[in-house]
Amino acid sequence: MTSDTLLTEAHGRVLVATLNRPAKANALNQHLITALDDLAARVHADEARTWGALVLTGAGAKAFSAGADISELDGISGSAARQQMRRGQAVFGRLEELPVVVIAAVNGVALGGGLELAMAADIRIAASAARLGQPEITLGNLPGWGGTQRLPRLVGRGAATELILTGDLISAEQARALGLVDHVADDPLRSAIELAARIAAHSPTAVRGAKTAIRVGLEEGMAAGLAAEADAVGDCCETDAQHQAVRAFLGRRS
């Protein structure tokens, strides 16, 4: 699963994937987007559930990812740009829809496409020195890999609109206050692995079902979310893990 631009390492049932272009602040070029797509496909196809969680981080101490590789946008045509944006959106969507929890360990700056990648994760843990933002407007453009959609869902319309239209960068603490970051930690990777391991210890069916119900409700409304929730509970109640957990709980009470 390892490529030269995306390194992977197992920590028990937690798979850590590291964006590995430190000389370019881990900028997301098309080769790295392809590697992320391959990663999503392999984790999704993991029928044996070797992996219970995925952690995304960046190589080096300075950057999670500074965003899209600007050199690939120099002189690009409108039709090529649309195709490139739709491809990135699809890859980030596949990461978001993985059946395991995805945690972004934001070890440094997360800008533009880098922040959009982090927002595709379920949970974000940032270093105290991290800076986050969508500065595309300063290059005469706007977020194209989901930023205009995920950011308002995380921080609200007003705050998202201000961040997108000013291109301002914010600190990790400001991001936490807005709800863009869930935790600030001295060692975000270690914290992410520890949290991922806790979640990976639970029933894979329950984790997958909870993720699906949350996503469906946010995207399609409460009625669809409630239906997805009921279906997920039904799936859980057909698993050995649920049967054993319930019997163990009842045994402790008797």
Foldseek 3Di string as FASTA:
>chain_A
DADQQWGWDDDQQEIEIEGEDVVQLSADEPVNLVVLLVVLVVLQPPPVSSHQEYEQAYPDQAWRYQYHDVVVVVPDDPVVVLVVLVSLLVSLQSLLLRLHAYEYLTRHEQEQRSLLSRLSGPAYEYEQHHKYAYQVVVVVDFRRNQLQPSVCVQQNDPVSVVRGNVVDIDGPVVCCVRRSHVYYDNGSVVVVVVVRVVSSVDDSLLSSLVSVLVVCCVVPHDVRSVVSNVVSVVVLVVDPRNVVVVVVVVVVVD
